[in-house]
Every structure is written in structure tokens, then in C-alpha cells.
Protein backbone atom coordinates (compact mmCIF):
# COMPACT_ATOMS: atom_id res chain seq x y z
CA LEU A 1 37.76 -14.54 -25.17
CA LYS A 2 35.58 -14.43 -22.03
CA PRO A 3 32.11 -15.87 -22.57
CA HIS A 4 29.26 -15.06 -20.23
CA HIS A 5 29.20 -16.98 -16.98
CA HIS A 6 25.87 -18.74 -16.36
CA ASP A 7 24.69 -16.04 -13.94
CA GLU A 8 25.92 -13.29 -16.25
CA SER A 9 23.83 -14.68 -19.09
CA MET A 10 20.66 -14.58 -16.95
CA HIS A 11 21.31 -11.05 -15.75
CA ALA A 12 22.09 -9.83 -19.27
CA PHE A 13 18.98 -11.55 -20.66
CA TYR A 14 16.51 -10.17 -18.11
CA SER A 15 18.10 -6.73 -18.41
CA TYR A 16 17.51 -7.03 -22.15
CA LYS A 17 13.85 -7.93 -21.55
CA LEU A 18 13.47 -4.86 -19.35
CA PHE A 19 15.15 -2.73 -22.03
CA THR A 20 13.06 -4.02 -24.95
CA GLU A 21 9.72 -4.85 -23.30
CA GLY A 22 9.71 -2.91 -20.02
CA ASP A 23 9.11 -6.28 -18.36
CA TYR A 24 10.69 -6.80 -14.94
CA GLU A 25 9.53 -7.93 -11.52
CA TYR A 26 11.80 -8.52 -8.54
CA ASN A 27 12.83 -12.13 -7.94
CA PRO A 28 15.06 -12.65 -4.88
CA MET A 29 16.70 -15.68 -6.54
CA MET A 30 18.37 -13.24 -8.97
CA HIS A 31 18.77 -10.54 -6.32
CA GLY A 32 17.78 -6.87 -6.45
CA PRO A 33 16.48 -4.64 -9.25
CA PHE A 34 19.35 -2.15 -9.43
CA GLN A 35 21.52 -4.21 -11.77
CA PHE A 36 18.68 -4.88 -14.22
CA HIS A 37 17.68 -1.22 -14.44
CA GLY A 38 21.34 -0.18 -14.64
CA ASN A 39 22.18 -2.67 -17.38
CA ALA A 40 19.08 -1.66 -19.34
CA LEU A 41 20.35 1.92 -19.14
CA MET A 42 23.73 0.79 -20.51
CA TYR A 43 21.92 -0.92 -23.41
CA TYR A 44 20.01 2.30 -24.11
CA PHE A 45 23.15 4.44 -24.32
CA PHE A 46 25.67 2.00 -25.82
CA GLY A 47 23.71 -0.75 -27.56
CA VAL A 48 23.28 -4.42 -26.73
CA SER A 49 26.35 -6.68 -26.61
CA ASP A 50 28.35 -8.88 -24.25
CA ALA A 51 30.63 -5.92 -23.63
CA THR A 52 27.89 -3.40 -22.81
CA SER A 53 26.32 -5.88 -20.39
CA ARG A 54 29.52 -5.46 -18.34
CA TYR A 55 29.80 -1.67 -18.56
CA LEU A 56 27.87 -1.06 -15.33
CA ALA A 57 30.21 -3.37 -13.40
CA GLY A 58 33.16 -1.47 -14.91
CA VAL A 59 31.65 1.86 -13.83
CA PHE A 60 31.36 0.64 -10.24
CA GLY A 61 34.90 -0.71 -10.38
CA ILE A 62 36.09 2.78 -11.29
CA LEU A 63 33.89 4.23 -8.53
CA THR A 64 35.58 1.94 -6.00
CA VAL A 65 39.00 3.27 -7.02
CA LEU A 66 37.83 6.88 -6.82
CA LEU A 67 36.31 6.35 -3.38
CA ALA A 68 39.63 4.98 -2.11
CA MET A 69 41.21 8.26 -3.19
CA LEU A 70 38.77 10.17 -0.95
CA LEU A 71 39.89 8.37 2.19
CA GLY A 72 43.09 10.39 2.64
CA PRO A 73 41.79 12.52 5.54
CA TYR A 74 40.70 9.39 7.42
CA ILE A 75 43.37 6.75 6.79
CA GLY A 76 46.22 9.01 5.63
CA ARG A 77 47.27 10.17 2.18
CA THR A 78 49.87 7.45 1.72
CA ALA A 79 47.43 4.74 2.84
CA SER A 80 44.81 6.13 0.46
CA LEU A 81 47.22 5.86 -2.47
CA ILE A 82 48.19 2.32 -1.44
CA ALA A 83 44.50 1.34 -1.14
CA THR A 84 43.96 2.64 -4.67
CA LEU A 85 46.94 0.59 -5.88
CA LEU A 86 45.74 -2.57 -4.12
CA ILE A 87 42.27 -2.30 -5.66
CA VAL A 88 43.76 -1.80 -9.13
CA ILE A 89 46.08 -4.83 -8.87
CA SER A 90 43.64 -7.06 -6.97
CA PRO A 91 42.82 -10.20 -9.01
CA SER A 92 39.37 -10.41 -7.39
CA PHE A 93 38.44 -6.78 -8.00
CA MET A 94 39.86 -6.91 -11.53
CA PHE A 95 37.78 -9.98 -12.37
CA PHE A 96 34.48 -9.19 -10.68
CA ASP A 97 34.52 -5.51 -11.66
CA ARG A 98 34.11 -6.77 -15.23
CA PHE A 99 31.50 -9.35 -14.32
CA THR A 100 27.73 -8.98 -14.79
CA ARG A 101 26.86 -9.89 -11.24
CA GLU A 102 25.70 -7.87 -8.27
CA ASP A 103 28.91 -7.85 -6.27
CA ALA A 104 30.61 -4.93 -8.03
CA TYR A 105 27.50 -2.80 -7.47
CA ILE A 106 26.91 -3.70 -3.84
CA LEU A 107 30.62 -3.21 -3.03
CA GLY A 108 30.56 0.17 -4.73
CA GLY A 109 27.38 1.16 -2.88
CA THR A 110 28.71 -0.08 0.47
CA PHE A 111 32.04 1.70 -0.02
CA MET A 112 30.20 4.88 -1.00
CA MET A 113 28.05 4.64 2.13
CA VAL A 114 31.03 4.10 4.45
CA THR A 115 33.18 6.81 2.82
CA TYR A 116 30.51 9.49 3.03
CA LEU A 117 29.54 8.49 6.56
CA PHE A 118 33.18 9.16 7.49
CA MET A 119 32.82 12.56 5.84
CA TYR A 120 29.55 13.36 7.61
CA TYR A 121 31.03 12.26 10.94
CA ARG A 122 33.61 15.05 10.58
CA SER A 123 31.85 17.71 8.53
CA LYS A 124 28.17 17.39 9.58
CA LYS A 125 27.35 18.57 6.03
CA PRO A 126 23.95 17.30 4.81
CA LEU A 127 25.31 16.51 1.33
CA ASP A 128 27.65 13.89 2.78
CA LEU A 129 24.77 12.08 4.49
CA TRP A 130 22.64 12.31 1.34
CA LEU A 131 25.38 10.64 -0.70
CA ALA A 132 25.84 8.00 2.00
CA SER A 133 22.10 7.25 1.80
CA VAL A 134 22.32 6.87 -1.99
CA GLY A 135 25.20 4.40 -1.54
CA PHE A 136 23.20 2.47 1.06
CA THR A 137 20.12 2.32 -1.18
CA ILE A 138 22.14 1.15 -4.19
CA GLY A 139 23.55 -1.65 -2.08
CA PHE A 140 20.17 -2.54 -0.57
CA CYS A 141 18.49 -2.57 -3.99
CA THR A 142 21.28 -4.71 -5.41
CA LYS A 143 21.65 -7.73 -3.15
CA GLU A 144 20.23 -9.18 0.03
CA SER A 145 23.71 -9.62 1.51
CA MET A 146 23.37 -5.95 2.43
CA PHE A 147 21.67 -7.28 5.58
CA ILE A 148 25.00 -8.90 6.53
CA THR A 149 26.77 -5.58 6.00
CA ILE A 150 24.14 -3.79 8.12
CA ALA A 151 24.57 -6.41 10.86
CA THR A 152 28.36 -6.11 10.84
CA LEU A 153 28.63 -2.31 10.78
CA GLY A 154 25.56 -1.88 12.98
CA THR A 155 26.91 -4.07 15.78
CA TYR A 156 30.19 -2.13 15.70
CA PHE A 157 28.34 1.13 16.36
CA PHE A 158 26.09 -0.51 18.95
CA ILE A 159 29.22 -1.58 20.84
CA ARG A 160 30.59 1.97 20.67
CA MET A 161 27.33 3.60 21.73
CA LEU A 162 25.94 1.36 24.50
CA PRO A 163 27.21 0.29 27.95
CA TRP A 164 28.96 -3.08 28.03
CA ILE A 165 26.12 -4.70 29.98
CA ASP A 166 23.76 -4.03 27.05
CA VAL A 167 26.32 -5.40 24.58
CA ILE A 168 26.67 -8.56 26.69
CA ILE A 169 22.88 -9.05 26.90
CA ALA A 170 22.35 -8.58 23.14
CA GLY A 171 25.40 -10.71 22.34
CA GLY A 172 24.23 -13.41 24.76
CA LEU A 173 20.81 -13.61 23.11
CA THR A 174 22.49 -13.91 19.71
CA GLY A 175 24.84 -16.60 21.01
CA LEU A 176 21.95 -18.59 22.50
CA GLY A 177 20.16 -18.43 19.16
CA LEU A 178 23.22 -19.84 17.40
CA VAL A 179 23.55 -22.62 20.00
CA PHE A 180 19.91 -23.65 19.52
CA GLN A 181 20.28 -23.47 15.74
CA LEU A 182 23.25 -25.84 15.87
CA ALA A 183 21.60 -28.13 18.44
CA ILE A 184 18.31 -28.62 16.58
CA PRO A 185 18.79 -31.38 13.97
CA LYS A 186 18.17 -30.64 10.32
CA THR A 187 14.86 -32.05 9.13
CA PRO A 188 13.97 -32.12 5.41
CA GLY A 189 11.13 -29.72 4.72
CA SER A 190 11.38 -28.11 8.17
CA ASN A 191 12.80 -24.67 8.89
CA THR A 192 12.53 -24.85 12.68
CA ARG A 193 16.25 -24.18 13.22
CA MET A 194 16.16 -20.89 11.35
CA VAL A 195 12.87 -19.81 12.94
CA VAL A 196 14.32 -20.29 16.43
CA LEU A 197 17.48 -18.39 15.47
CA GLY A 198 15.36 -15.62 13.97
CA LEU A 199 13.38 -15.25 17.21
CA PHE A 200 16.55 -14.87 19.28
CA LEU A 201 18.06 -12.41 16.79
CA GLY A 202 14.82 -10.43 16.68
CA THR A 203 14.75 -10.23 20.49
CA ALA A 204 18.38 -9.07 20.59
CA PHE A 205 17.66 -6.46 17.91
CA CYS A 206 14.56 -5.10 19.66
CA TYR A 207 16.42 -4.90 22.98
CA THR A 208 19.28 -3.00 21.31
CA ILE A 209 16.92 -0.53 19.60
CA PHE A 210 15.08 0.03 22.92
CA ARG A 211 18.32 0.78 24.77
CA LEU A 212 19.57 3.01 21.95
CA ALA A 213 16.34 5.02 22.17
CA GLN A 214 16.86 5.42 25.91
CA ARG A 215 20.48 6.52 25.44
CA TRP A 216 19.38 8.94 22.71
CA LEU A 217 16.95 10.63 25.11
CA VAL A 218 19.67 10.90 27.76
CA ASN A 219 22.19 12.36 25.31
CA ALA A 220 19.61 14.78 23.90
CA LYS A 221 18.91 16.07 27.41
CA GLU A 222 22.41 16.08 28.91
CA GLY A 223 24.61 16.52 25.83
CA ALA A 224 26.56 14.12 23.62
CA GLU A 225 28.70 11.65 25.57
CA SER A 226 30.88 10.78 22.54
CA PRO A 227 31.64 12.02 19.01
CA ILE A 228 29.37 9.31 17.57
CA TRP A 229 26.44 10.52 19.68
CA ASP A 230 27.28 14.08 18.65
CA ALA A 231 26.94 13.09 14.98
CA ILE A 232 23.61 11.35 15.68
CA LEU A 233 22.23 14.32 17.64
CA SER A 234 23.19 16.59 14.72
CA LEU A 235 20.56 14.77 12.63
CA LYS A 236 17.81 16.32 14.78
CA ILE A 237 15.57 13.29 14.34
CA GLU A 238 13.22 14.71 16.98
CA ASN A 239 11.95 17.20 14.38
CA ALA A 240 10.63 14.27 12.32
CA LYS A 241 9.91 11.76 15.09
CA TRP A 242 6.23 11.24 14.22
CA GLU A 243 7.02 10.75 10.54
CA THR A 244 9.73 8.25 11.48
CA LEU A 245 7.31 6.38 13.75
CA ALA A 246 4.74 6.33 10.95
CA LEU A 247 7.32 4.88 8.54
CA VAL A 248 8.22 2.08 10.97
CA SER A 249 4.51 1.42 11.57
CA TRP A 250 3.93 1.18 7.82
CA PHE A 251 6.37 -1.72 7.53
CA VAL A 252 4.72 -3.52 10.49
CA LEU A 253 1.27 -3.12 8.90
CA SER A 254 2.59 -4.24 5.51
CA ILE A 255 3.64 -7.56 7.06
CA LEU A 256 0.07 -8.06 8.26
CA ALA A 257 -1.41 -7.02 4.92
CA ILE A 258 0.75 -9.48 2.96
CA LYS A 259 1.02 -12.39 5.41
CA VAL A 260 -2.58 -12.52 6.74
CA PRO A 261 -4.78 -13.98 3.96
CA ALA A 262 -7.91 -12.21 5.22
CA LEU A 263 -6.22 -8.84 4.76
CA ASN A 264 -4.98 -9.49 1.19
CA MET A 265 -6.76 -7.37 -1.41
CA SER A 266 -8.50 -5.42 1.37
CA PHE A 267 -9.03 -1.78 2.22
CA LEU A 268 -5.82 -2.00 4.29
CA THR A 269 -3.86 -2.58 1.08
CA VAL A 270 -5.28 0.57 -0.50
CA LEU A 271 -4.64 2.53 2.68
CA LEU A 272 -1.01 1.34 2.80
CA GLY A 273 -0.46 2.24 -0.85
CA VAL A 274 -1.73 5.79 -0.32
CA ALA A 275 0.13 6.10 3.00
CA TRP A 276 3.45 5.11 1.39
CA ILE A 277 3.23 7.91 -1.18
CA ALA A 278 2.08 10.31 1.54
CA LEU A 279 5.11 9.44 3.69
CA ILE A 280 7.52 10.06 0.82
CA LEU A 281 5.89 13.41 0.09
CA ARG A 282 5.93 14.34 3.78
CA PHE A 283 9.63 13.60 4.20
CA GLY A 284 10.29 15.49 0.97
CA TRP A 285 8.31 18.48 2.26
CA LEU A 286 10.31 18.49 5.50
CA TRP A 287 13.54 18.34 3.48
CA LEU A 288 12.60 21.23 1.22
CA ASN A 289 11.55 23.29 4.24
CA ASP A 290 14.87 22.76 6.05
CA ARG A 291 13.43 20.58 8.81
CA SER A 292 16.22 18.22 9.94
CA THR A 293 17.67 18.69 6.47
CA ALA A 294 20.38 16.03 6.60
CA TYR A 295 18.08 13.34 8.01
CA THR A 296 14.90 14.04 6.01
CA GLY A 297 16.89 14.48 2.80
CA ALA A 298 18.63 11.13 3.31
CA VAL A 299 15.32 9.35 4.04
CA THR A 300 13.60 10.97 1.04
CA LEU A 301 16.35 10.00 -1.39
CA SER A 302 16.39 6.42 -0.10
CA LEU A 303 12.61 6.01 -0.24
CA VAL A 304 12.30 7.48 -3.74
CA LEU A 305 15.10 5.37 -5.23
CA PHE A 306 13.88 2.23 -3.42
CA THR A 307 10.30 2.73 -4.60
CA LEU A 308 11.17 3.43 -8.24
CA LEU A 309 13.40 0.36 -8.51
CA TYR A 310 11.20 -2.19 -6.72
CA THR A 311 8.02 -1.05 -8.49
CA THR A 312 9.86 -0.76 -11.85
CA PHE A 313 8.86 2.89 -11.97
CA PHE A 314 5.29 2.12 -10.82
CA THR A 315 4.63 -0.44 -13.58
CA VAL A 316 4.43 -3.49 -11.28
CA GLY A 317 0.81 -4.60 -11.09
CA SER A 318 -0.27 -2.29 -13.93
CA GLY A 319 -1.54 -5.27 -15.93
CA GLN A 320 -4.04 -6.28 -13.24
CA ALA A 321 -7.71 -5.84 -14.08
CA SER A 322 -8.96 -4.24 -10.86
CA PHE A 323 -7.76 -1.24 -8.89
CA MET A 324 -7.55 -3.38 -5.74
CA SER A 325 -5.29 -5.89 -7.51
CA ARG A 326 -3.01 -3.14 -8.80
CA MET A 327 -2.69 -1.61 -5.34
CA HIS A 328 -1.94 -5.02 -3.87
CA GLY A 329 0.79 -5.55 -6.49
CA TYR A 330 2.27 -2.16 -5.67
CA VAL A 331 2.27 -2.70 -1.88
CA ASN A 332 3.56 -6.26 -2.34
CA ALA A 333 6.48 -4.93 -4.42
CA ILE A 334 7.47 -2.58 -1.58
CA TYR A 335 7.10 -5.39 0.96
CA GLN A 336 9.15 -7.81 -1.13
CA GLY A 337 11.88 -5.24 -1.51
CA ALA A 338 12.06 -4.69 2.24
CA PHE A 339 11.55 -8.24 3.53
CA GLY A 340 11.05 -10.71 0.68
CA GLY A 341 14.71 -11.15 -0.20
CA LEU A 342 15.67 -11.70 3.44
CA GLU A 343 12.89 -14.28 3.82
CA TYR A 344 13.96 -16.17 0.69
CA TRP A 345 17.66 -16.36 1.51
CA TRP A 346 17.00 -17.08 5.19
CA ASP A 347 15.00 -20.12 4.06
CA GLN A 348 17.82 -21.09 1.70
CA HIS A 349 20.41 -21.22 4.49
CA ASP A 350 20.19 -24.98 5.04
CA VAL A 351 20.22 -25.66 1.28
CA HIS A 352 23.96 -24.84 1.26
CA ARG A 353 24.28 -23.75 -2.35
CA GLY A 354 27.83 -24.34 -3.51
CA ASP A 355 28.24 -26.86 -0.67
CA GLN A 356 31.51 -25.34 0.51
CA PRO A 357 33.20 -25.93 3.90
CA TRP A 358 33.08 -23.25 6.59
CA TYR A 359 36.76 -22.35 5.97
CA TYR A 360 36.18 -21.68 2.25
CA TYR A 361 37.12 -17.99 2.38
CA LEU A 362 40.15 -18.71 4.56
CA VAL A 363 41.47 -20.67 1.58
CA GLN A 364 40.23 -18.26 -1.07
CA LEU A 365 41.75 -15.12 0.43
CA PRO A 366 45.43 -16.16 0.57
CA ALA A 367 45.10 -18.07 -2.71
CA ASN A 368 43.78 -15.02 -4.60
CA GLU A 369 44.74 -12.01 -2.46
CA LEU A 370 48.05 -12.86 -0.81
CA VAL A 371 49.19 -9.24 -0.36
CA SER A 372 46.05 -8.06 1.43
CA PHE A 373 45.79 -11.28 3.43
CA LEU A 374 49.35 -11.22 4.81
CA PHE A 375 49.48 -7.51 5.59
CA GLY A 376 45.89 -7.48 6.89
CA ILE A 377 46.68 -10.25 9.41
CA ALA A 378 49.88 -8.45 10.41
CA ALA A 379 47.91 -5.22 10.86
CA MET A 380 45.36 -6.87 13.16
CA VAL A 381 48.15 -8.21 15.36
CA PHE A 382 50.06 -4.90 15.35
CA TYR A 383 47.09 -2.62 16.11
CA GLY A 384 45.42 -5.11 18.39
CA VAL A 385 48.47 -5.68 20.59
CA PHE A 386 50.98 -2.84 20.19
CA ARG A 387 49.28 0.32 18.96
CA ARG A 388 45.52 0.66 19.34
CA LYS A 389 43.79 3.07 16.97
CA ASN A 390 40.10 3.45 16.17
CA MET A 391 40.35 3.29 12.37
CA PRO A 392 42.30 0.00 12.03
CA LEU A 393 40.18 -1.54 14.79
CA PHE A 394 37.03 -0.56 12.88
CA LEU A 395 38.41 -2.05 9.64
CA ALA A 396 39.45 -5.22 11.50
CA TYR A 397 35.96 -5.56 13.02
CA TRP A 398 34.39 -5.03 9.58
CA PHE A 399 36.63 -7.74 8.09
CA LEU A 400 36.21 -10.27 10.92
CA GLY A 401 32.45 -9.69 11.06
CA HIS A 402 32.12 -10.29 7.34
CA MET A 403 34.35 -13.35 7.49
CA ALA A 404 32.28 -14.82 10.33
CA LEU A 405 28.87 -14.12 8.80
CA PHE A 406 29.70 -15.06 5.22
CA SER A 407 31.40 -18.24 6.48
CA TRP A 408 28.30 -19.05 8.55
CA ALA A 409 25.91 -18.36 5.64
CA GLY A 410 24.75 -21.44 3.78
CA GLU A 411 25.82 -20.22 0.33
CA LYS A 412 29.54 -19.68 -0.26
CA MET A 413 30.65 -18.58 -3.72
CA PRO A 414 33.85 -17.12 -5.23
CA TRP A 415 32.38 -13.67 -5.87
CA LEU A 416 31.45 -13.24 -2.20
CA ILE A 417 35.16 -12.96 -1.41
CA LEU A 418 34.86 -9.25 -2.26
CA HIS A 419 32.85 -8.53 0.89
CA PRO A 420 35.53 -9.41 3.47
CA LEU A 421 38.27 -8.39 1.02
CA LEU A 422 37.35 -4.68 0.91
CA PRO A 423 37.93 -3.95 4.63
CA LEU A 424 40.96 -6.28 4.68
CA LEU A 425 42.47 -4.42 1.73
CA LEU A 426 41.85 -1.04 3.40
CA LEU A 427 43.40 -2.34 6.63
CA SER A 428 46.46 -3.55 4.72
CA ALA A 429 46.78 -0.16 3.05
CA TYR A 430 46.50 1.60 6.41
CA PHE A 431 49.25 -0.59 7.85
CA VAL A 432 51.64 -0.22 4.90
CA GLY A 433 50.98 3.54 4.80
CA ASP A 434 51.75 3.75 8.51
CA LEU A 435 55.02 1.87 7.95
CA TRP A 436 55.97 4.20 5.10
CA ASP A 437 55.17 7.43 6.94
CA ASN A 438 56.65 6.57 10.34
CA VAL A 439 60.22 5.47 11.02
CA PRO A 440 60.62 3.54 14.33
CA ALA A 441 63.16 4.81 16.85
CA SER A 442 64.75 1.40 17.52
CA SER A 443 67.08 -0.36 15.09
CA VAL A 444 64.99 -3.55 15.33
CA GLY A 445 61.88 -1.59 14.42
CA ARG A 446 63.61 0.03 11.45
CA MET A 447 64.82 -3.35 10.19
CA ALA A 448 61.33 -4.81 10.52
CA ARG A 449 59.89 -1.82 8.67
CA VAL A 450 62.34 -2.20 5.77
CA GLY A 451 61.67 -5.93 5.61
CA ALA A 452 57.88 -5.48 5.56
CA LEU A 453 58.05 -2.82 2.84
CA ALA A 454 60.39 -5.05 0.79
CA VAL A 455 57.95 -7.98 1.06
CA PHE A 456 55.12 -5.67 -0.02
CA GLY A 457 57.16 -4.50 -3.00
CA LEU A 458 57.90 -8.09 -4.04
CA LEU A 459 54.33 -9.37 -3.70
CA ALA A 460 52.57 -6.44 -5.39
CA PRO A 461 53.86 -7.33 -8.91
CA TYR A 462 52.73 -10.94 -8.34
CA SER A 463 49.23 -9.67 -7.56
CA LEU A 464 49.27 -7.48 -10.67
CA HIS A 465 50.32 -10.40 -12.86
CA SER A 466 47.47 -12.50 -11.47
CA ALA A 467 45.02 -9.64 -12.08
CA VAL A 468 45.88 -8.88 -15.71
CA GLY A 469 46.51 -12.44 -16.91
CA LEU A 470 44.33 -13.35 -19.91
CA PRO A 471 42.12 -16.38 -19.07
CA PHE A 472 40.82 -18.76 -21.72
CA TYR A 473 38.60 -21.83 -21.51
CA ARG A 474 40.32 -24.70 -23.33
CA GLU A 475 38.52 -27.97 -23.90
CA ALA A 476 40.29 -30.73 -21.96
CA ASP A 477 37.75 -33.49 -22.57
CA PRO A 478 34.36 -33.48 -24.28
CA GLY A 479 32.15 -31.28 -22.13
CA THR A 480 34.98 -30.26 -19.76
CA PHE A 481 37.04 -27.08 -19.98
CA ASP A 482 40.20 -25.96 -18.18
CA LEU A 483 40.87 -22.32 -17.37
CA ILE A 484 44.33 -21.45 -18.75
CA GLU A 485 46.31 -18.28 -19.43
CA ILE A 486 47.15 -17.26 -23.00
CA ALA A 487 48.88 -14.34 -24.72
CA VAL A 488 47.55 -12.55 -27.79
CA GLY A 489 49.24 -10.34 -30.38
CA PRO A 490 48.09 -7.09 -32.03
CA ARG A 491 44.53 -6.97 -33.29
CA ALA A 492 44.08 -8.09 -36.87
CA GLY A 493 40.67 -6.96 -38.13
CA GLU A 494 38.08 -8.62 -35.93
CA PHE A 495 40.53 -11.14 -34.48
CA TYR A 496 43.48 -11.34 -32.08
CA PRO A 497 46.20 -13.89 -32.91
CA VAL A 498 47.03 -16.22 -30.00
CA VAL A 499 50.83 -16.23 -29.68
CA ALA A 500 51.23 -18.37 -26.56
CA GLY A 501 49.24 -20.82 -24.45
CA LEU A 502 47.53 -22.83 -27.21
CA LYS A 503 48.75 -25.32 -29.78
CA GLU A 504 47.29 -26.22 -33.13
CA GLY A 505 44.16 -28.31 -32.80
CA ASP A 506 43.16 -27.03 -29.35
CA ARG A 507 39.48 -26.21 -28.97
CA GLY A 508 38.22 -23.42 -26.75
CA ALA A 509 35.03 -21.63 -25.79
CA THR A 510 34.37 -18.36 -27.61
CA ALA A 511 30.69 -17.92 -26.76
CA GLY A 512 28.17 -19.44 -24.41
CA ALA A 513 26.97 -19.55 -20.83
CA PHE A 514 29.08 -21.17 -18.14
CA LEU A 515 28.33 -22.25 -14.61
CA VAL A 516 31.63 -22.12 -12.80
CA ASP A 517 32.04 -24.75 -10.09
CA ALA A 518 32.91 -22.65 -7.05
CA GLU A 519 34.66 -25.52 -5.31
CA ASN A 520 37.10 -25.91 -8.19
CA ARG A 521 38.36 -22.37 -7.60
CA LEU A 522 40.23 -23.82 -4.64
CA ASN A 523 42.27 -25.72 -7.23
CA PRO A 524 44.70 -23.80 -9.48
CA ALA A 525 43.62 -26.05 -12.35
CA ALA A 526 40.02 -24.94 -12.00
CA SER A 527 37.58 -26.47 -14.44
CA VAL A 528 34.11 -25.47 -15.53
CA GLN A 529 31.02 -27.37 -16.47
CA TYR A 530 30.10 -27.07 -20.13
CA ILE A 531 26.64 -25.69 -20.75
CA GLY A 532 26.02 -25.16 -24.45
CA ALA A 533 29.19 -23.23 -25.26
CA GLY A 534 30.45 -22.83 -28.77
CA GLY A 535 33.84 -24.43 -29.26
CA ARG A 536 36.31 -23.60 -32.04
């Protein structure tokens, strides 16, 4: 009843090519390699079909639910159970966790990273950091929007770790960059606006890293000034400082080797290829010899997984005739994985794919996720004004940062709603769990608590109904389909009888590839553009 969306069909097809021919090379237009390798693995174990092409998304949907269950020690047991419930009944998670696109995987990887960083923050156990690094690498190898997640979570920790004067300087440089980007007029074929913004952002980033290095030296000498610095000092990065410097230098040299024509296909390319393998082996040796175990283990796992996926298990460039060409293909694959996707989507900013207004997600969230939206907004007011706590403030920052950056980004699509939704959902769960566990002393507070819990109880079934409704594409006019809800009866052989929602003579799509118009999702009577679907 649910044919492949246009993007799903491409992802399923190229995963099939990888499965049958071993043919895959990273293309930032279709995002990272993780989904193609993962889907090919699903084909290997379960066969090739529309259903198996969605198994990997289903696995990560289940992972998201399980990770919410692990948050009890950090957001409270009741809040953890409510977060699990909200994910299960969320229309957006229900839909996109059965959708052959990257968003289920990157959300699962991001959530895994955040959950196990919480664990490492408390336990200092290396295994927790290793699992966090695996989550990060899955996200990074899935979609370039991981840079937005890094920017959001990274700036939160920068604010917590640096003096306010440094935060103001870095924030001021970023703000100036945005002002210049908005002030410079758009010119067809010119990317001057984004280049200027990139220079300001790069300056702010370098300044922040420089100040963090200075603070790290001070904390290493005088002792940790905060629990966050204590967790960072526990990594013992100083035991692998030269290896870390070499890794950073490798990426700088790779930019020169790829971007400077005179250095293409040169001895530098061969040197970088050998050096990359040497760095992985060196970090692995340090890990196995218990040198900064948590840190070197995390770096080793990330580098190995990253390398295998972006080189398609070292097959990229294998068809080239010369050794120099093969080494260039190998180094280029690593470079493209690290920087190529960011370059491509940075250049696409002014293209405005989807052509949505800046407030797109402010409409999408309450329309699709009313429970999380209402209680998330209430939580931000409550914890921002009346009862300040670190965890809800972190979740609020995560949500607001994602809302700001994804609203600023040129491309706005329905599936991107998951990125701000995850922290908003967790914040809502924290707030409702807090209301459930704590009874206010005043009568007004108790009445407000009962009212809020009653509203939550009334809205949750509505969310569930929206999540489990059975969608069907019915032909409204030739070439135009409406998304409607139908009901089916018990299975009869290979078919399900439709018992409600359709009348005799109606035609609908049972197979094909669809490109859903993102703008129409703002309309309850959303339509889709017909692209070669089979109607019956």
C-alpha cells in the first residue's frame, strides 16, 4: 500500500547495485555511504524487496526506542518511559523509521552518541566513549547534516567550558558573518555570500579551538575547574598528542593535494595514502597497549569505520590503470568523506531546494507533533524562568540550535523535522516526568499539574492515531494523487480487502516512485506528483 518515495527508489536501487555488482562511490547529492552498505547487508540476509529495503530504517527506529530507555539515570525513570512512549506514538518517527532515507540512521547515530556521552560523563568507562564514537561515525557517514549537529552540540559545550568574553568574541564573529551574508546580494553563478560567511565561521572556529587548547593546558596543570573539564582530562589526550597533531595535519595536507592541480597524482598523494593507514595502525597500537585507552580506542573505531565506508572497503579506485591513480582515488575518497559533502551542500545553500519559507518547521512541528510541541514550549518557559536545571537547558539549547540552523539552511524538507524533534521530544518527556514525580506544595500548583497531565493524556491518543493511520495514494485527477487514510480487513491470500476509505472505481497507486512535494505537507490534503506509478 506504500510505494517507494522518489528518494527511496534511488537509495534502494544504488544499494542493490552495491549488493549485486559491488559498485558504489560516494556522491554527496545522495548523502553518505552508510545507508547503501547497510541496505546491501539487509539484501544479503533477507533478500531483495521493497520491504527489505526498509529493514535498516526499522532497525534504527527500534534502536531509538531502546536508547530512550537508557536515559533513566539522566532524565529520570518516569521521563525515560514517557520519552519511549512519545517516540512510539510520534507520527514523524513512525513514518520516517520505515522510510529508506538517511534520517532514521543519522537520528539513531546521533542519539547513540549523546546517550553514551552522558554515560561516559558519569562513569569514565572507555566502553561508553567507544560506543559514542561509533554513534558519531554512523551519523557522520550517513548525512552531511551531522555538521549542523556538531555545530549545535559543540557550541553548547564551548559556552560551558570557556569564559564569557571568548563566547562573545566567537559569537560576534559568527554574527558578523551572517550580517555580511545577508547584506551581499545574490548573484547567479556567484557564491561570494557563502565564501564570506565561511571565512567568518572559520575564524570563529579557529579562535575557539585556540582558547580551548589554552584552557586545557591550564586545567591539566591546576586541576579540572568543572565536571566537563574533568571528563575531558580523563581522556589523557596528552599521551597521544603527537598522533593527534599528525591526524589534523593529514587533513590540512589532503586539502592541498586535492585542491592544488599541481599536486594531484603526485608523490604527496602516495605519501598521504600511506600516512593514513599508518595513523590508523598507530592509534590502534596505542589502544591495544592501554595508552589513553578511551581516547585512542574511540579514534581508532571512528577512523576504521569511516575509511571502510568511504572507500567501499578499499575498492574505490581499484579499476584505475596506474598505482598513482589508484592512490589518488583512495585519498580523494577520504577527502570527499571529510570535506566533500560539506562543500557540496554549502554551495547548494542558495539553491533553496524545496523552496520553503524560514518558518517551515514552526508550522510542521505543531501540525505533526502537537504533544511534543506544546509540552516542549511549556518546558522551556518553566525551566528557563522558574526552575533552572542543566539537563532541560541542554535539551532546550539542542532544540533551539537545530531549529535555527535547519531553518536557516537553504533546503527544508519534511524528513528534516526529526532533527529538532528529538531534543524537543526528550524535553517534553522530562517535563511531564517531572510533573508526575513531584507534587507542588501550593493548591494552584497542584491544579496546574493535574490540568497539564490531563491535557497530555488527551493528546497522546491523538498522536497515536496519527502515527498508525494507514495512508493510501488515491488518484484525484490524471497524474495527481491525494494522500488519504483507509482501513483494511484480514489478509486474504496475497491481498488485503479495503473496508473503508475507498469506493468502487477509485484508482490508487500500488507501485512506483513518488516525489512528495514538501510544501504540500503543510496542507492536510497533501498531494503528490505522479512519476510513473502503477494505478489500479
